[in-house]
């Protein structure tokens, strides 16, 4: 399959021109997508030249091209990874059978739901971030934001293609609804609550791309195991683009910490706010919030829906093929948390029921690696304080811990204790106002606002002081 055909109105590597009905349907959806982008995307930069990467191939090498592009002219398209010869379903009741190229009728509703929920998150991210460009700390960061935005929009295209191509009239209706729900809209909000939260500042954006896009990584990996081959191949390619989004978060927080640590050492103080930087206590509170909100995205700790998707062969586990079990989980158990008599206990439940918890645990382990990198920055700067991940029960609204007051250290609290202490653990109105006061745009190449350190290197071989975004 390989290369992408950019001679078509809709770039693709799926042979769209060979299916005129599907092509007409997607060409009808395209102007509605562009109208959504104009109304709810980063429209203030529609006339700027932005140094963006565009996918040109789905292979491992040389898959993207970098050049100046005006975002309304970005070539959003439909890209599937190359098919894997003789691929079989790797888990569930159909393990060992040939993968499906068409939607299995008995699983149609479940599969459509998986595609719709994934698709709904993609434009939500763009909507949440649409105002951030006005306060970008550098042109380097502005370019990274806009790259994330165009790729999230392309991921919307990926899911819209599946809905149009494989789900008939119902799929076309669902694809339209992806453009009609909006983040934070009281009447038509996005499906998942985390995608209705505002992203008001760049500290929130960096934590969003670190935690919430990391949830996307694990969800996409699970769907990449699907027995429905078009979904698996679509998400395999999406993961190539998703890696950059997490890099933006990882490196962004690292640069914030480097600047904070520099000022802490230079002035021998924990309070760097007077020097125009973000103190570690505030960074920790932001971390606590975004980590806890993202944990809710994995759903309830025990879930019959997750068990059904797995048994049906629709959604696997992270790195399913590397797991040393029967891939059907007959008789297997898995530990999950339970709150009993004011204490958190661990109980064993059937592994099929605990698949959301399995994925959440994999996510937490991955987050811990990034946290270690951030703490190395503090240590190497001579700062003794460290960041930490709060207990998984902290500030939760979904699952076992919903409605249970849990401290960052994992103590179950009374409602009164939570009300008295939670302001020390979550961003306050004053915290958000202070961070907002720092959000001043920098528009000269190579310059950085004072609360963040410069990156170690530029993008695609360009220097840090390259003009990554140029006004018309």
Protein backbone atom coordinates (compact mmCIF):
# COMPACT_ATOMS: atom_id res chain seq x y z
CA UNK A 1 0.00 0.00 0.00
CA UNK A 2 2.72 2.42 1.07
CA UNK A 3 2.60 5.88 -0.52
CA UNK A 4 -0.22 8.39 -0.30
CA UNK A 5 -1.98 9.66 -3.42
CA UNK A 6 -1.98 13.47 -3.19
CA UNK A 7 -3.46 13.82 -6.66
CA UNK A 8 -6.93 13.20 -5.23
CA UNK A 9 -9.22 15.79 -3.68
CA UNK A 10 -8.96 13.70 -0.50
CA UNK A 11 -5.40 12.31 -0.16
CA UNK A 12 -5.51 8.60 0.60
CA UNK A 13 -3.86 5.24 0.22
CA UNK A 14 -7.11 3.23 0.32
CA UNK A 15 -8.01 3.42 -3.37
CA UNK A 16 -10.82 5.87 -2.75
CA UNK A 17 -11.23 6.64 -6.47
CA UNK A 18 -12.28 3.02 -7.03
CA UNK A 19 -15.36 3.44 -4.82
CA UNK A 20 -17.27 6.36 -6.31
CA UNK A 21 -20.14 6.17 -3.80
CA UNK A 22 -17.80 6.34 -0.84
CA UNK A 23 -15.76 9.05 -2.50
CA UNK A 24 -18.86 11.20 -3.05
CA UNK A 25 -19.96 10.70 0.57
CA UNK A 26 -16.59 11.80 1.92
CA UNK A 27 -16.35 14.71 -0.51
CA UNK A 28 -19.74 15.82 0.83
CA UNK A 29 -18.43 15.55 4.42
CA UNK A 30 -15.23 17.44 3.58
CA UNK A 31 -16.73 20.98 3.34
CA UNK A 32 -18.51 20.47 6.66
CA UNK A 33 -15.19 19.44 8.19
CA UNK A 34 -13.50 22.56 6.78
CA UNK A 35 -16.31 24.73 8.14
CA UNK A 36 -15.83 23.13 11.57
CA UNK A 37 -12.08 23.80 11.36
CA UNK A 38 -12.68 27.43 10.43
CA UNK A 39 -15.16 27.94 13.27
CA UNK A 40 -13.55 25.91 16.07
CA UNK A 41 -9.94 25.33 15.05
CA UNK A 42 -6.98 27.73 15.48
CA UNK A 43 -8.40 30.09 12.87
CA UNK A 44 -6.32 33.10 13.97
CA UNK A 45 -3.38 31.46 12.19
CA UNK A 46 -5.19 30.53 8.98
CA UNK A 47 -3.07 32.92 6.92
CA UNK A 48 0.27 32.00 8.52
CA UNK A 49 2.89 29.77 6.95
CA UNK A 50 3.58 26.96 9.42
CA UNK A 51 6.48 24.48 9.25
CA UNK A 52 4.38 21.29 9.38
CA UNK A 53 4.95 17.65 8.65
CA UNK A 54 2.61 15.91 6.25
CA UNK A 55 2.40 12.15 5.90
CA UNK A 56 3.60 10.91 2.51
CA UNK A 57 3.97 7.20 3.24
CA UNK A 58 2.90 4.68 5.85
CA UNK A 59 6.22 2.84 6.00
CA UNK A 60 8.83 3.00 8.73
CA UNK A 61 11.29 5.27 6.94
CA UNK A 62 10.76 8.67 5.38
CA UNK A 63 7.06 8.69 6.13
CA UNK A 64 6.65 12.46 6.53
CA UNK A 65 7.62 15.59 4.65
CA UNK A 66 8.28 18.99 6.31
CA UNK A 67 7.46 22.27 4.61
CA UNK A 68 5.62 25.54 5.07
CA UNK A 69 1.86 25.06 4.84
CA UNK A 70 -1.12 27.28 5.50
CA UNK A 71 -3.39 25.24 7.69
CA UNK A 72 -6.60 25.63 5.65
CA UNK A 73 -4.56 24.14 2.78
CA UNK A 74 -3.23 21.23 4.85
CA UNK A 75 -3.94 17.98 3.02
CA UNK A 76 -5.95 16.01 5.54
CA UNK A 77 -6.38 12.49 4.29
CA UNK A 78 -7.01 8.81 4.94
CA UNK A 79 -4.01 6.60 5.64
CA UNK A 80 -3.97 2.93 6.63
CA UNK A 81 -0.83 1.03 7.58
CA UNK A 82 0.24 -1.72 5.19
CA UNK A 83 -1.68 -4.98 5.69
CA UNK A 84 0.08 -7.72 7.62
CA UNK A 85 0.16 -10.92 5.53
CA UNK A 86 -1.85 -13.82 6.97
CA UNK A 87 -2.83 -11.82 10.05
CA UNK A 88 -5.20 -13.61 12.42
CA UNK A 89 -7.25 -12.46 15.38
CA UNK A 90 -4.99 -12.56 18.44
CA UNK A 91 -7.44 -12.81 21.34
CA UNK A 92 -10.99 -13.56 22.41
CA UNK A 93 -13.45 -16.15 21.20
CA UNK A 94 -12.24 -15.86 17.59
CA UNK A 95 -8.54 -16.20 18.36
CA UNK A 96 -6.64 -17.77 15.49
CA UNK A 97 -9.29 -16.98 12.88
CA UNK A 98 -8.60 -14.76 9.89
CA UNK A 99 -9.11 -11.06 10.62
CA UNK A 100 -12.26 -9.39 9.32
CA UNK A 101 -12.20 -7.08 6.33
CA UNK A 102 -15.91 -6.32 6.73
CA UNK A 103 -17.86 -5.56 9.89
CA UNK A 104 -19.13 -8.78 11.50
CA UNK A 105 -22.89 -8.25 11.68
CA UNK A 106 -23.32 -9.54 15.22
CA UNK A 107 -20.74 -7.04 16.51
CA UNK A 108 -21.79 -4.06 14.41
CA UNK A 109 -23.19 -1.91 17.24
CA UNK A 110 -20.23 -2.53 19.56
CA UNK A 111 -17.69 -1.81 16.85
CA UNK A 112 -19.45 1.35 15.77
CA UNK A 113 -19.49 2.55 19.39
CA UNK A 114 -15.72 2.05 19.69
CA UNK A 115 -15.09 4.03 16.50
CA UNK A 116 -17.45 6.84 17.50
CA UNK A 117 -15.98 7.31 20.98
CA UNK A 118 -12.43 7.35 19.60
CA UNK A 119 -13.47 9.70 16.82
CA UNK A 120 -15.17 12.08 19.25
CA UNK A 121 -11.96 12.69 21.18
CA UNK A 122 -10.00 13.90 18.16
CA UNK A 123 -11.84 17.14 17.28
CA UNK A 124 -12.43 17.76 20.99
CA UNK A 125 -8.69 18.27 21.50
CA UNK A 126 -8.61 20.87 18.74
CA UNK A 127 -11.57 22.70 20.27
CA UNK A 128 -10.02 22.66 23.74
CA UNK A 129 -6.76 24.14 22.44
CA UNK A 130 -8.03 26.66 19.89
CA UNK A 131 -7.15 29.78 21.92
CA UNK A 132 -3.67 28.70 23.04
CA UNK A 133 -1.90 30.02 19.97
CA UNK A 134 -2.53 33.58 21.13
CA UNK A 135 -0.22 33.03 24.15
CA UNK A 136 2.43 30.70 22.71
CA UNK A 137 5.72 30.95 24.66
CA UNK A 138 7.76 30.75 21.42
CA UNK A 139 7.37 30.14 17.71
CA UNK A 140 8.78 26.67 18.31
CA UNK A 141 5.94 25.93 20.73
CA UNK A 142 3.33 27.55 18.51
CA UNK A 143 4.40 25.32 15.64
CA UNK A 144 4.15 22.23 17.87
CA UNK A 145 0.65 23.22 18.97
CA UNK A 146 -0.49 23.66 15.39
CA UNK A 147 1.09 20.34 14.39
CA UNK A 148 -0.85 18.62 17.16
CA UNK A 149 -4.02 20.36 15.97
CA UNK A 150 -3.77 19.34 12.32
CA UNK A 151 -2.94 15.75 13.27
CA UNK A 152 -5.83 15.48 15.71
CA UNK A 153 -8.02 16.69 12.87
CA UNK A 154 -6.51 14.05 10.60
CA UNK A 155 -7.35 11.42 13.22
CA UNK A 156 -10.92 12.65 12.98
CA UNK A 157 -10.69 11.92 9.26
CA UNK A 158 -9.46 8.43 10.06
CA UNK A 159 -12.54 7.60 12.13
CA UNK A 160 -14.92 9.39 9.75
CA UNK A 161 -13.59 7.21 6.92
CA UNK A 162 -14.32 4.02 8.85
CA UNK A 163 -17.84 5.21 9.66
CA UNK A 164 -18.56 6.12 6.03
CA UNK A 165 -16.91 3.07 4.52
CA UNK A 166 -18.23 0.32 6.79
CA UNK A 167 -21.37 1.43 8.63
CA UNK A 168 -23.74 2.67 5.94
CA UNK A 169 -26.36 5.32 6.72
CA UNK A 170 -25.81 4.97 10.47
CA UNK A 171 -22.11 5.59 9.98
CA UNK A 172 -22.70 8.69 7.86
CA UNK A 173 -24.98 10.07 10.55
CA UNK A 174 -22.40 9.36 13.27
CA UNK A 175 -19.69 11.06 11.18
CA UNK A 176 -21.88 14.15 10.96
CA UNK A 177 -22.41 14.15 14.72
CA UNK A 178 -18.64 14.18 15.23
CA UNK A 179 -18.75 17.71 13.83
CA UNK A 180 -21.87 18.75 15.75
CA UNK A 181 -20.80 17.89 19.31
CA UNK A 182 -18.39 20.45 20.76
CA UNK A 183 -16.10 20.51 23.77
CA UNK A 184 -17.84 22.11 26.74
CA UNK A 185 -21.10 22.72 24.86
CA UNK A 186 -23.96 22.53 27.35
CA UNK A 187 -26.39 21.09 24.82
CA UNK A 188 -24.07 18.89 22.75
CA UNK A 189 -20.90 18.16 24.75
CA UNK A 190 -18.24 15.68 23.79
CA UNK A 191 -18.87 12.11 24.94
CA UNK A 192 -16.05 11.81 27.50
CA UNK A 193 -15.93 14.32 30.35
CA UNK A 194 -12.17 15.02 30.14
CA UNK A 195 -12.71 16.38 26.64
CA UNK A 196 -15.13 18.98 27.95
CA UNK A 197 -12.57 20.42 30.37
CA UNK A 198 -11.02 23.74 29.27
CA UNK A 199 -7.33 23.94 28.38
CA UNK A 200 -6.80 27.58 29.35
CA UNK A 201 -3.00 27.85 29.50
CA UNK A 202 0.19 26.23 28.30
CA UNK A 203 0.93 24.42 31.54
CA UNK A 204 -2.44 22.71 31.15
CA UNK A 205 -1.65 21.99 27.49
CA UNK A 206 1.67 20.34 28.31
CA UNK A 207 0.06 18.16 30.96
CA UNK A 208 -2.83 17.37 28.59
CA UNK A 209 -0.47 16.20 25.87
CA UNK A 210 1.54 14.21 28.39
CA UNK A 211 -1.34 12.49 30.19
CA UNK A 212 -4.42 12.65 27.98
CA UNK A 213 -2.61 11.99 24.71
CA UNK A 214 -0.90 9.11 26.52
CA UNK A 215 -4.35 7.71 27.24
CA UNK A 216 -4.84 8.02 23.47
CA UNK A 217 -1.70 5.98 22.93
CA UNK A 218 -3.01 3.12 25.06
CA UNK A 219 -6.50 3.23 23.58
CA UNK A 220 -5.07 3.23 20.05
CA UNK A 221 -2.72 0.35 20.86
CA UNK A 222 -5.70 -1.64 22.12
CA UNK A 223 -7.67 -0.90 18.96
CA UNK A 224 -4.61 -1.72 16.84
CA UNK A 225 -5.03 -5.31 18.07
CA UNK A 226 -8.60 -5.44 16.74
CA UNK A 227 -9.83 -8.34 14.68
CA UNK A 228 -11.48 -5.76 12.42
CA UNK A 229 -8.48 -5.18 10.18
CA UNK A 230 -9.33 -1.70 8.78
CA UNK A 231 -9.60 -0.35 12.34
CA UNK A 232 -6.33 -2.00 13.37
CA UNK A 233 -4.45 -0.62 10.38
CA UNK A 234 -5.94 2.86 10.80
CA UNK A 235 -4.89 3.12 14.43
CA UNK A 236 -1.44 1.67 13.73
CA UNK A 237 -0.73 4.67 11.54
CA UNK A 238 -2.34 7.12 13.98
CA UNK A 239 0.17 5.97 16.60
CA UNK A 240 3.03 7.27 14.46
CA UNK A 241 1.58 10.75 14.69
CA UNK A 242 0.47 10.43 18.33
CA UNK A 243 4.08 9.96 19.47
CA UNK A 244 4.85 13.61 18.68
CA UNK A 245 1.93 14.80 20.79
CA UNK A 246 3.30 13.03 23.86
CA UNK A 247 6.78 14.40 23.10
CA UNK A 248 5.33 17.92 23.22
CA UNK A 249 4.02 17.24 26.73
CA UNK A 250 7.08 15.43 28.03
CA UNK A 251 9.56 18.00 26.75
CA UNK A 252 7.30 20.95 27.56
CA UNK A 253 7.00 20.07 31.26
CA UNK A 254 10.72 19.27 31.32
CA UNK A 255 11.50 22.75 30.02
CA UNK A 256 9.17 24.38 32.56
CA UNK A 257 10.93 22.46 35.35
CA UNK A 258 14.37 23.37 34.03
CA UNK A 259 13.53 27.07 34.17
CA UNK A 260 11.90 26.78 37.60
CA UNK A 261 14.90 24.88 38.98
CA UNK A 262 17.32 27.40 37.49
CA UNK A 263 15.59 30.25 39.32
CA UNK A 264 15.22 28.26 42.56
CA UNK A 265 18.97 27.71 42.66
CA UNK A 266 19.89 31.22 41.53
CA UNK A 267 17.71 32.88 44.19
CA UNK A 268 17.88 30.14 46.86
CA UNK A 269 14.10 29.99 47.19
CA UNK A 270 11.13 27.75 46.52
CA UNK A 271 9.00 30.78 45.62
CA UNK A 272 9.92 31.67 42.06
CA UNK A 273 6.68 33.46 41.29
CA UNK A 274 8.22 36.90 41.86
CA UNK A 275 10.76 36.00 39.15
CA UNK A 276 8.09 35.15 36.57
CA UNK A 277 8.25 31.35 36.80
CA UNK A 278 5.90 28.60 38.01
CA UNK A 279 6.68 27.17 41.44
CA UNK A 280 6.91 23.41 41.97
CA UNK A 281 3.90 23.33 44.29
CA UNK A 282 1.69 24.76 41.54
CA UNK A 283 3.16 22.37 38.97
CA UNK A 284 2.38 19.46 41.31
CA UNK A 285 -1.23 20.60 41.72
CA UNK A 286 -1.67 20.81 37.95
CA UNK A 287 -0.13 17.36 37.64
CA UNK A 288 -2.53 15.99 40.26
CA UNK A 289 -5.52 17.35 38.38
CA UNK A 290 -4.60 16.18 34.89
CA UNK A 291 -3.46 12.74 36.02
CA UNK A 292 -6.69 12.10 37.93
CA UNK A 293 -8.95 13.37 35.14
CA UNK A 294 -7.15 11.19 32.62
CA UNK A 295 -7.48 8.07 34.78
CA UNK A 296 -11.26 8.46 34.50
CA UNK A 297 -10.98 8.08 30.72
CA UNK A 298 -10.22 4.37 31.15
CA UNK A 299 -13.70 3.76 32.56
CA UNK A 300 -14.86 1.67 35.49
CA UNK A 301 -12.33 -0.65 37.12
CA UNK A 302 -14.56 -3.65 36.36
CA UNK A 303 -16.52 -3.47 33.12
CA UNK A 304 -18.78 -5.89 31.30
CA UNK A 305 -18.46 -3.76 28.15
CA UNK A 306 -14.67 -4.10 28.12
CA UNK A 307 -15.05 -7.86 28.66
CA UNK A 308 -17.47 -8.05 25.74
CA UNK A 309 -15.21 -6.09 23.38
CA UNK A 310 -12.32 -8.40 24.25
CA UNK A 311 -14.31 -11.62 23.92
CA UNK A 312 -15.64 -10.44 20.56
CA UNK A 313 -12.12 -9.71 19.29
CA UNK A 314 -12.77 -5.99 18.83
CA UNK A 315 -10.39 -4.39 21.35
CA UNK A 316 -7.37 -6.10 22.85
CA UNK A 317 -4.86 -5.24 25.52
CA UNK A 318 -1.77 -3.08 25.21
CA UNK A 319 0.87 -5.25 23.46
CA UNK A 320 -1.53 -8.17 23.41
CA UNK A 321 0.80 -10.46 21.49
CA UNK A 322 3.57 -10.14 24.07
CA UNK A 323 1.44 -11.38 26.98
CA UNK A 324 2.09 -14.88 28.22
CA UNK A 325 -1.43 -16.24 28.72
CA UNK A 326 -4.16 -17.90 26.69
CA UNK A 327 -5.40 -14.55 25.26
CA UNK A 328 -8.91 -15.56 26.24
CA UNK A 329 -8.46 -15.18 30.01
CA UNK A 330 -10.32 -18.35 30.94
CA UNK A 331 -10.17 -18.68 34.72
CA UNK A 332 -7.73 -15.80 35.11
CA UNK A 333 -8.05 -13.13 37.80
CA UNK A 334 -6.62 -9.64 38.22
CA UNK A 335 -6.22 -7.39 41.30
CA UNK A 336 -8.38 -4.28 41.56
CA UNK A 337 -8.94 -1.81 44.37
CA UNK A 338 -12.02 -1.74 46.57
CA UNK A 339 -12.99 0.64 49.36
CA UNK A 340 -14.30 -1.15 52.45
CA UNK A 341 -14.90 0.27 55.91
CA UNK A 342 -12.95 3.40 55.07
CA UNK A 343 -9.91 1.52 53.79
CA UNK A 344 -8.54 0.72 50.35
CA UNK A 345 -8.14 -3.01 49.79
CA UNK A 346 -7.05 -5.11 46.84
CA UNK A 347 -9.38 -7.87 45.66
CA UNK A 348 -9.12 -10.40 42.85
CA UNK A 349 -11.78 -10.30 40.12
CA UNK A 350 -12.16 -12.20 36.83
CA UNK A 351 -9.53 -10.84 34.47
CA UNK A 352 -12.07 -10.33 31.69
CA UNK A 353 -13.97 -7.93 33.93
CA UNK A 354 -10.80 -5.99 34.83
CA UNK A 355 -9.53 -5.07 31.37
CA UNK A 356 -10.00 -1.33 31.94
CA UNK A 357 -7.90 -1.65 35.09
CA UNK A 358 -5.23 -3.60 33.20
CA UNK A 359 -4.96 -0.80 30.63
CA UNK A 360 -4.98 1.84 33.37
CA UNK A 361 -2.15 0.07 35.20
CA UNK A 362 -0.11 -0.04 31.98
CA UNK A 363 -0.75 3.69 31.55
CA UNK A 364 0.36 4.50 35.11
CA UNK A 365 3.57 2.50 34.64
CA UNK A 366 4.30 4.45 31.46
CA UNK A 367 3.59 7.78 33.18
CA UNK A 368 6.05 6.87 35.91
CA UNK A 369 8.88 6.70 33.37
CA UNK A 370 8.27 10.28 32.28
CA UNK A 371 8.06 11.40 35.88
CA UNK A 372 11.52 9.93 36.50
CA UNK A 373 12.89 11.99 33.60
CA UNK A 374 11.37 15.17 35.03
CA UNK A 375 12.79 14.44 38.47
CA UNK A 376 16.24 13.92 36.95
CA UNK A 377 16.03 17.47 35.62
CA UNK A 378 15.40 18.71 39.15
CA UNK A 379 18.15 16.56 40.61
CA UNK A 380 20.73 17.59 38.01
CA UNK A 381 19.84 21.24 38.68
CA UNK A 382 20.58 20.82 42.39
CA UNK A 383 16.94 20.94 43.55
CA UNK A 384 15.96 18.40 46.23
CA UNK A 385 12.17 18.50 45.72
CA UNK A 386 10.54 15.87 43.49
CA UNK A 387 7.25 15.52 41.64
CA UNK A 388 5.09 12.46 42.24
CA UNK A 389 1.99 10.80 40.83
CA UNK A 390 -0.92 10.96 43.28
CA UNK A 391 -2.71 7.79 44.35
CA UNK A 392 -4.99 6.42 41.63
CA UNK A 393 -7.99 7.01 43.89
CA UNK A 394 -7.33 10.74 44.19
CA UNK A 395 -9.96 13.10 42.72
CA UNK A 396 -11.74 10.37 40.78
CA UNK A 397 -15.23 10.65 39.29
CA UNK A 398 -15.45 7.25 37.58
CA UNK A 399 -15.11 3.70 38.91
CA UNK A 400 -14.38 2.35 42.38
CA UNK A 401 -13.20 5.69 43.73
CA UNK A 402 -16.04 7.83 42.36
CA UNK A 403 -17.44 9.81 45.27
CA UNK A 404 -14.69 8.61 47.63
CA UNK A 405 -12.39 11.25 49.10
CA UNK A 406 -8.80 10.01 48.80
CA UNK A 407 -5.65 12.01 49.54
CA UNK A 408 -2.70 12.06 47.11
CA UNK A 409 -0.95 9.61 49.47
CA UNK A 410 -3.87 7.16 49.35
CA UNK A 411 -5.68 7.84 52.64
CA UNK A 412 -9.47 7.66 52.62
CA UNK A 413 -10.79 10.93 54.06
CA UNK A 414 -14.07 12.17 55.42
CA UNK A 415 -15.95 14.68 53.24
CA UNK A 416 -15.08 17.34 55.80
CA UNK A 417 -11.35 16.57 55.63
CA UNK A 418 -11.47 16.63 51.84
CA UNK A 419 -13.20 20.01 51.82
CA UNK A 420 -10.59 21.36 54.22
CA UNK A 421 -7.49 20.00 52.49
CA UNK A 422 -8.23 19.57 48.76
CA UNK A 423 -7.29 23.17 47.93
CA UNK A 424 -3.68 22.24 48.74
CA UNK A 425 -3.78 19.40 46.20
CA UNK A 426 -5.65 20.83 43.20
CA UNK A 427 -5.11 24.08 41.26
CA UNK A 428 -6.83 26.96 43.00
CA UNK A 429 -8.42 29.97 41.38
CA UNK A 430 -5.34 31.96 42.42
CA UNK A 431 -3.03 29.34 40.85
CA UNK A 432 -4.89 29.52 37.55
CA UNK A 433 -4.94 33.32 37.64
CA UNK A 434 -1.19 33.43 38.27
CA UNK A 435 -0.41 30.97 35.48
CA UNK A 436 -2.73 32.91 33.18
CA UNK A 437 -0.82 36.11 33.99
CA UNK A 438 2.36 34.49 32.61
CA UNK A 439 0.78 33.58 29.29
CA UNK A 440 2.35 36.27 27.14
CA UNK A 441 3.04 35.52 23.46
CA UNK A 442 6.52 35.56 21.99
CA UNK A 443 6.66 36.04 18.24
CA UNK A 444 10.37 36.53 17.43
CA UNK A 445 12.30 33.45 16.22
CA UNK A 446 14.49 31.91 18.91
CA UNK A 447 13.08 33.92 21.80
CA UNK A 448 11.31 32.28 24.77
CA UNK A 449 9.02 33.65 27.43
CA UNK A 450 10.62 33.73 30.89
CA UNK A 451 8.79 30.80 32.53
CA UNK A 452 10.12 28.09 30.20
CA UNK A 453 13.60 27.03 29.08
CA UNK A 454 14.45 26.69 25.38
CA UNK A 455 14.37 23.20 23.83
CA UNK A 456 17.58 21.25 23.41
CA UNK A 457 17.17 21.21 19.62
CA UNK A 458 14.88 22.35 16.85
CA UNK A 459 12.54 20.41 14.58
CA UNK A 460 13.58 18.21 11.66
CA UNK A 461 17.14 19.49 11.66
CA UNK A 462 16.19 23.17 11.88
CA UNK A 463 17.72 25.37 14.61
CA UNK A 464 15.72 26.56 17.60
CA UNK A 465 15.73 30.11 16.20
CA UNK A 466 14.18 29.02 12.88
CA UNK A 467 11.01 30.90 11.83
CA UNK A 468 8.66 27.96 12.44
CA UNK A 469 5.61 30.18 11.92
CA UNK A 470 5.59 33.14 9.52
CA UNK A 471 2.88 35.76 9.25
CA UNK A 472 1.55 36.32 5.77
